[in-house]
Amino acid sequence: MALEDEITKAIGAHGMWKNRLRGAIDSGKADANPADVAKDNACPFGQWLHGSTITASMRNGANYNAVKKLHADFHRCASNVMTCVASGKKEQATSLLGGEFSKISGELTNAMMKWKAAGA
């Protein structure tokens, strides 16, 4: 699949995480294992990002490296929110979701859009 298509799908999929985390906070139940959520190579975009179809020249580019780092940060932060939910720390989970998670999510989306606009 082309870079533009992968990024378009990833923006939508990662955007849905805020709703998923909000639902977990509201219900008080983590619907995923935080250790699994932390894995930045398990989601479809992460599998593509870490996979063999990305050329060496693309891997050396600033856009790829920015997205790769922010994608890992995104998963780490989502995992932290799930950990708080699983531990019954609703206020802390809400604070993370509205603060650090929202910041990283926005930065990741912006970086993906920049990469998509650059075409590689």
N, C-alpha and C. Protein backbone atom coordinates (compact mmCIF):
# COMPACT_ATOMS: atom_id res chain seq x y z
N MET A 1 0.84 -1.18 0.00
CA MET A 1 0.00 0.00 0.00
C MET A 1 0.89 1.24 0.00
N ALA A 2 0.44 2.26 -0.64
CA ALA A 2 1.21 3.50 -0.79
C ALA A 2 1.30 4.26 0.53
N LEU A 3 2.36 5.03 0.64
CA LEU A 3 2.60 5.85 1.83
C LEU A 3 1.37 6.67 2.19
N GLU A 4 0.79 7.36 1.22
CA GLU A 4 -0.36 8.23 1.48
C GLU A 4 -1.53 7.45 2.05
N ASP A 5 -1.78 6.26 1.52
CA ASP A 5 -2.88 5.42 2.00
C ASP A 5 -2.63 4.93 3.42
N GLU A 6 -1.41 4.50 3.69
CA GLU A 6 -1.05 4.02 5.04
C GLU A 6 -1.24 5.14 6.07
N ILE A 7 -0.80 6.32 5.73
CA ILE A 7 -0.91 7.45 6.66
C ILE A 7 -2.36 7.86 6.85
N THR A 8 -3.14 7.90 5.79
CA THR A 8 -4.56 8.26 5.91
C THR A 8 -5.27 7.28 6.84
N LYS A 9 -5.04 5.99 6.65
CA LYS A 9 -5.64 4.97 7.52
C LYS A 9 -5.16 5.13 8.95
N ALA A 10 -3.88 5.40 9.13
CA ALA A 10 -3.30 5.51 10.48
C ALA A 10 -3.86 6.71 11.23
N ILE A 11 -4.06 7.81 10.54
CA ILE A 11 -4.60 9.00 11.20
C ILE A 11 -5.99 8.68 11.76
N GLY A 12 -6.81 8.01 10.97
CA GLY A 12 -8.15 7.63 11.43
C GLY A 12 -8.11 6.64 12.58
N ALA A 13 -7.29 5.61 12.44
CA ALA A 13 -7.20 4.58 13.47
C ALA A 13 -6.67 5.14 14.79
N HIS A 14 -5.67 5.98 14.73
CA HIS A 14 -5.11 6.53 15.95
C HIS A 14 -6.03 7.59 16.56
N GLY A 15 -6.81 8.24 15.71
CA GLY A 15 -7.80 9.18 16.22
C GLY A 15 -8.87 8.50 17.05
N MET A 16 -9.18 7.27 16.71
CA MET A 16 -10.19 6.51 17.45
C MET A 16 -9.72 6.11 18.85
N TRP A 17 -8.42 6.13 19.08
CA TRP A 17 -7.90 5.76 20.40
C TRP A 17 -8.38 6.70 21.50
N LYS A 18 -8.55 7.97 21.20
CA LYS A 18 -9.02 8.89 22.23
C LYS A 18 -10.40 8.46 22.72
N ASN A 19 -11.28 8.08 21.80
CA ASN A 19 -12.61 7.60 22.18
C ASN A 19 -12.53 6.30 22.97
N ARG A 20 -11.64 5.42 22.55
CA ARG A 20 -11.48 4.14 23.25
C ARG A 20 -10.99 4.36 24.67
N LEU A 21 -10.01 5.25 24.82
CA LEU A 21 -9.49 5.53 26.16
C LEU A 21 -10.53 6.24 27.02
N ARG A 22 -11.27 7.16 26.42
CA ARG A 22 -12.35 7.86 27.15
C ARG A 22 -13.37 6.85 27.64
N GLY A 23 -13.72 5.89 26.78
CA GLY A 23 -14.67 4.84 27.17
C GLY A 23 -14.15 3.99 28.32
N ALA A 24 -12.87 3.67 28.28
CA ALA A 24 -12.27 2.88 29.36
C ALA A 24 -12.29 3.67 30.67
N ILE A 25 -11.98 4.96 30.60
CA ILE A 25 -12.01 5.80 31.80
C ILE A 25 -13.43 5.87 32.34
N ASP A 26 -14.40 6.13 31.48
CA ASP A 26 -15.79 6.27 31.91
C ASP A 26 -16.34 4.99 32.53
N SER A 27 -15.96 3.85 31.95
CA SER A 27 -16.46 2.57 32.46
C SER A 27 -15.64 2.06 33.64
N GLY A 28 -14.43 2.59 33.78
CA GLY A 28 -13.54 2.11 34.84
C GLY A 28 -12.91 0.77 34.52
N LYS A 29 -13.00 0.35 33.26
CA LYS A 29 -12.47 -0.95 32.85
C LYS A 29 -11.53 -0.81 31.67
N ALA A 30 -10.30 -1.24 31.85
CA ALA A 30 -9.34 -1.25 30.75
C ALA A 30 -9.73 -2.38 29.80
N ASP A 31 -9.95 -2.04 28.54
CA ASP A 31 -10.38 -3.06 27.57
C ASP A 31 -9.21 -3.65 26.80
N ALA A 32 -7.99 -3.31 27.23
CA ALA A 32 -6.79 -3.85 26.60
C ALA A 32 -5.68 -3.92 27.64
N ASN A 33 -4.79 -4.85 27.44
CA ASN A 33 -3.63 -5.00 28.32
C ASN A 33 -2.68 -3.83 28.06
N PRO A 34 -2.34 -3.06 29.09
CA PRO A 34 -1.44 -1.92 28.88
C PRO A 34 -0.11 -2.30 28.21
N ALA A 35 0.42 -3.48 28.51
CA ALA A 35 1.68 -3.91 27.90
C ALA A 35 1.50 -4.10 26.39
N ASP A 36 0.34 -4.59 25.98
CA ASP A 36 0.06 -4.75 24.54
C ASP A 36 -0.13 -3.40 23.87
N VAL A 37 -0.82 -2.49 24.54
CA VAL A 37 -1.05 -1.15 23.99
C VAL A 37 0.28 -0.43 23.78
N ALA A 38 1.25 -0.67 24.64
CA ALA A 38 2.55 0.00 24.56
C ALA A 38 3.36 -0.40 23.33
N LYS A 39 3.05 -1.52 22.73
CA LYS A 39 3.82 -2.01 21.58
C LYS A 39 3.51 -1.19 20.34
N ASP A 40 4.48 -0.43 19.89
CA ASP A 40 4.27 0.44 18.73
C ASP A 40 4.40 -0.30 17.40
N ASN A 41 4.69 -1.59 17.45
CA ASN A 41 4.81 -2.37 16.22
C ASN A 41 3.70 -3.41 16.08
N ALA A 42 2.66 -3.30 16.91
CA ALA A 42 1.59 -4.29 16.88
C ALA A 42 0.37 -3.83 16.08
N CYS A 43 0.10 -2.54 16.03
CA CYS A 43 -1.04 -2.04 15.26
C CYS A 43 -0.67 -2.10 13.77
N PRO A 44 -1.67 -2.07 12.89
CA PRO A 44 -1.36 -2.15 11.45
C PRO A 44 -0.36 -1.10 10.97
N PHE A 45 -0.50 0.15 11.44
CA PHE A 45 0.44 1.19 11.02
C PHE A 45 1.85 0.88 11.55
N GLY A 46 1.94 0.44 12.79
CA GLY A 46 3.24 0.10 13.37
C GLY A 46 3.90 -1.05 12.65
N GLN A 47 3.09 -2.03 12.23
CA GLN A 47 3.65 -3.15 11.47
C GLN A 47 4.22 -2.65 10.15
N TRP A 48 3.50 -1.73 9.50
CA TRP A 48 3.99 -1.16 8.25
C TRP A 48 5.23 -0.31 8.51
N LEU A 49 5.18 0.51 9.55
CA LEU A 49 6.27 1.43 9.88
C LEU A 49 7.56 0.67 10.19
N HIS A 50 7.44 -0.47 10.84
CA HIS A 50 8.61 -1.27 11.19
C HIS A 50 8.89 -2.37 10.17
N GLY A 51 8.04 -2.48 9.16
CA GLY A 51 8.15 -3.57 8.20
C GLY A 51 9.21 -3.36 7.13
N SER A 52 9.24 -4.32 6.23
CA SER A 52 10.29 -4.36 5.22
C SER A 52 9.96 -3.58 3.94
N THR A 53 8.75 -3.03 3.84
CA THR A 53 8.39 -2.34 2.60
C THR A 53 8.88 -0.90 2.55
N ILE A 54 9.36 -0.38 3.65
CA ILE A 54 9.88 0.99 3.68
C ILE A 54 11.35 0.96 3.26
N THR A 55 11.67 1.77 2.29
CA THR A 55 13.02 1.78 1.75
C THR A 55 14.02 2.36 2.74
N ALA A 56 15.28 2.03 2.53
CA ALA A 56 16.35 2.55 3.39
C ALA A 56 16.42 4.07 3.32
N SER A 57 16.23 4.62 2.15
CA SER A 57 16.28 6.09 2.03
C SER A 57 15.14 6.74 2.80
N MET A 58 13.97 6.10 2.79
CA MET A 58 12.84 6.64 3.55
C MET A 58 13.13 6.55 5.05
N ARG A 59 13.71 5.43 5.50
CA ARG A 59 14.03 5.24 6.92
C ARG A 59 15.04 6.28 7.42
N ASN A 60 15.86 6.78 6.51
CA ASN A 60 16.86 7.78 6.89
C ASN A 60 16.30 9.20 6.88
N GLY A 61 15.05 9.36 6.44
CA GLY A 61 14.46 10.68 6.33
C GLY A 61 13.94 11.22 7.65
N ALA A 62 13.92 12.53 7.75
CA ALA A 62 13.46 13.20 8.97
C ALA A 62 11.99 12.92 9.24
N ASN A 63 11.17 12.88 8.19
CA ASN A 63 9.74 12.63 8.39
C ASN A 63 9.48 11.25 8.99
N TYR A 64 10.13 10.23 8.44
CA TYR A 64 9.98 8.87 8.96
C TYR A 64 10.39 8.82 10.42
N ASN A 65 11.55 9.38 10.73
CA ASN A 65 12.05 9.29 12.09
C ASN A 65 11.19 10.07 13.08
N ALA A 66 10.64 11.19 12.66
CA ALA A 66 9.74 11.95 13.53
C ALA A 66 8.47 11.15 13.81
N VAL A 67 7.90 10.57 12.76
CA VAL A 67 6.67 9.78 12.92
C VAL A 67 6.95 8.54 13.77
N LYS A 68 8.04 7.88 13.52
CA LYS A 68 8.37 6.66 14.27
C LYS A 68 8.49 6.96 15.76
N LYS A 69 9.18 8.05 16.11
CA LYS A 69 9.33 8.41 17.52
C LYS A 69 8.00 8.79 18.14
N LEU A 70 7.23 9.64 17.45
CA LEU A 70 5.94 10.06 17.99
C LEU A 70 4.95 8.90 18.09
N HIS A 71 5.03 7.97 17.14
CA HIS A 71 4.16 6.79 17.19
C HIS A 71 4.47 5.96 18.43
N ALA A 72 5.74 5.78 18.74
CA ALA A 72 6.13 5.05 19.95
C ALA A 72 5.66 5.81 21.20
N ASP A 73 5.82 7.13 21.20
CA ASP A 73 5.36 7.95 22.32
C ASP A 73 3.85 7.84 22.50
N PHE A 74 3.12 7.84 21.39
CA PHE A 74 1.66 7.71 21.41
C PHE A 74 1.25 6.42 22.10
N HIS A 75 1.86 5.31 21.70
CA HIS A 75 1.52 4.01 22.30
C HIS A 75 1.92 3.94 23.76
N ARG A 76 3.06 4.52 24.11
CA ARG A 76 3.49 4.54 25.51
C ARG A 76 2.48 5.30 26.35
N CYS A 77 2.04 6.45 25.86
CA CYS A 77 1.11 7.27 26.61
C CYS A 77 -0.27 6.60 26.71
N ALA A 78 -0.74 6.02 25.62
CA ALA A 78 -2.01 5.29 25.66
C ALA A 78 -1.93 4.15 26.67
N SER A 79 -0.80 3.48 26.73
CA SER A 79 -0.58 2.42 27.71
C SER A 79 -0.63 2.97 29.13
N ASN A 80 -0.05 4.14 29.34
CA ASN A 80 -0.10 4.77 30.67
C ASN A 80 -1.53 5.07 31.09
N VAL A 81 -2.34 5.55 30.15
CA VAL A 81 -3.75 5.81 30.46
C VAL A 81 -4.43 4.50 30.85
N MET A 82 -4.22 3.44 30.07
CA MET A 82 -4.83 2.13 30.38
C MET A 82 -4.36 1.60 31.73
N THR A 83 -3.10 1.82 32.05
CA THR A 83 -2.58 1.39 33.35
C THR A 83 -3.31 2.11 34.48
N CYS A 84 -3.52 3.40 34.30
CA CYS A 84 -4.26 4.17 35.32
C CYS A 84 -5.68 3.65 35.46
N VAL A 85 -6.33 3.38 34.34
CA VAL A 85 -7.70 2.85 34.38
C VAL A 85 -7.71 1.52 35.12
N ALA A 86 -6.78 0.63 34.76
CA ALA A 86 -6.73 -0.69 35.38
C ALA A 86 -6.46 -0.61 36.88
N SER A 87 -5.79 0.46 37.31
CA SER A 87 -5.45 0.65 38.73
C SER A 87 -6.49 1.47 39.47
N GLY A 88 -7.56 1.85 38.78
CA GLY A 88 -8.62 2.63 39.42
C GLY A 88 -8.27 4.10 39.62
N LYS A 89 -7.28 4.59 38.89
CA LYS A 89 -6.85 5.98 39.01
C LYS A 89 -7.51 6.82 37.92
N LYS A 90 -8.82 7.02 38.07
CA LYS A 90 -9.62 7.69 37.06
C LYS A 90 -9.17 9.13 36.83
N GLU A 91 -8.91 9.87 37.90
CA GLU A 91 -8.50 11.27 37.75
C GLU A 91 -7.17 11.38 37.01
N GLN A 92 -6.22 10.51 37.36
CA GLN A 92 -4.92 10.53 36.70
C GLN A 92 -5.06 10.15 35.23
N ALA A 93 -5.91 9.16 34.94
CA ALA A 93 -6.14 8.74 33.55
C ALA A 93 -6.76 9.89 32.75
N THR A 94 -7.72 10.58 33.36
CA THR A 94 -8.37 11.71 32.69
C THR A 94 -7.38 12.83 32.42
N SER A 95 -6.52 13.09 33.39
CA SER A 95 -5.50 14.12 33.23
C SER A 95 -4.52 13.78 32.11
N LEU A 96 -4.08 12.53 32.07
CA LEU A 96 -3.18 12.09 30.99
C LEU A 96 -3.86 12.20 29.63
N LEU A 97 -5.11 11.78 29.56
CA LEU A 97 -5.83 11.80 28.30
C LEU A 97 -5.97 13.23 27.76
N GLY A 98 -6.32 14.16 28.64
CA GLY A 98 -6.52 15.53 28.21
C GLY A 98 -5.24 16.32 28.06
N GLY A 99 -4.16 15.82 28.64
CA GLY A 99 -2.89 16.52 28.60
C GLY A 99 -1.89 15.87 27.67
N GLU A 100 -1.05 15.04 28.24
CA GLU A 100 0.05 14.43 27.47
C GLU A 100 -0.44 13.65 26.26
N PHE A 101 -1.49 12.84 26.42
CA PHE A 101 -1.97 12.04 25.30
C PHE A 101 -2.46 12.93 24.15
N SER A 102 -3.26 13.94 24.48
CA SER A 102 -3.77 14.84 23.44
C SER A 102 -2.64 15.57 22.73
N LYS A 103 -1.63 15.98 23.49
CA LYS A 103 -0.48 16.67 22.91
C LYS A 103 0.26 15.76 21.93
N ILE A 104 0.58 14.55 22.38
CA ILE A 104 1.33 13.61 21.54
C ILE A 104 0.49 13.19 20.33
N SER A 105 -0.78 12.97 20.54
CA SER A 105 -1.66 12.58 19.44
C SER A 105 -1.69 13.66 18.36
N GLY A 106 -1.80 14.91 18.78
CA GLY A 106 -1.79 16.02 17.83
C GLY A 106 -0.47 16.13 17.09
N GLU A 107 0.62 15.96 17.82
CA GLU A 107 1.95 16.03 17.20
C GLU A 107 2.13 14.89 16.19
N LEU A 108 1.65 13.70 16.55
CA LEU A 108 1.76 12.56 15.64
C LEU A 108 0.94 12.81 14.38
N THR A 109 -0.27 13.29 14.53
CA THR A 109 -1.11 13.58 13.37
C THR A 109 -0.44 14.63 12.47
N ASN A 110 0.08 15.68 13.06
CA ASN A 110 0.76 16.72 12.28
C ASN A 110 1.98 16.16 11.55
N ALA A 111 2.75 15.32 12.23
CA ALA A 111 3.94 14.74 11.61
C ALA A 111 3.55 13.80 10.46
N MET A 112 2.48 13.03 10.66
CA MET A 112 2.03 12.14 9.59
C MET A 112 1.53 12.94 8.39
N MET A 113 0.81 14.03 8.64
CA MET A 113 0.32 14.86 7.54
C MET A 113 1.48 15.52 6.79
N LYS A 114 2.49 15.93 7.52
CA LYS A 114 3.69 16.53 6.88
C LYS A 114 4.38 15.48 6.01
N TRP A 115 4.53 14.27 6.52
CA TRP A 115 5.15 13.20 5.77
C TRP A 115 4.33 12.86 4.54
N LYS A 116 3.03 12.80 4.69
CA LYS A 116 2.14 12.51 3.57
C LYS A 116 2.26 13.59 2.49
N ALA A 117 2.29 14.85 2.91
CA ALA A 117 2.41 15.96 1.96
C ALA A 117 3.74 15.92 1.21
N ALA A 118 4.78 15.46 1.90
CA ALA A 118 6.11 15.37 1.29
C ALA A 118 6.18 14.20 0.30
N GLY A 119 5.30 13.23 0.47
CA GLY A 119 5.28 12.07 -0.42
C GLY A 119 6.32 11.02 -0.12
N ALA A 120 7.10 11.20 0.87
CA ALA A 120 8.10 10.25 1.34
C ALA A 120 9.00 11.01 2.21
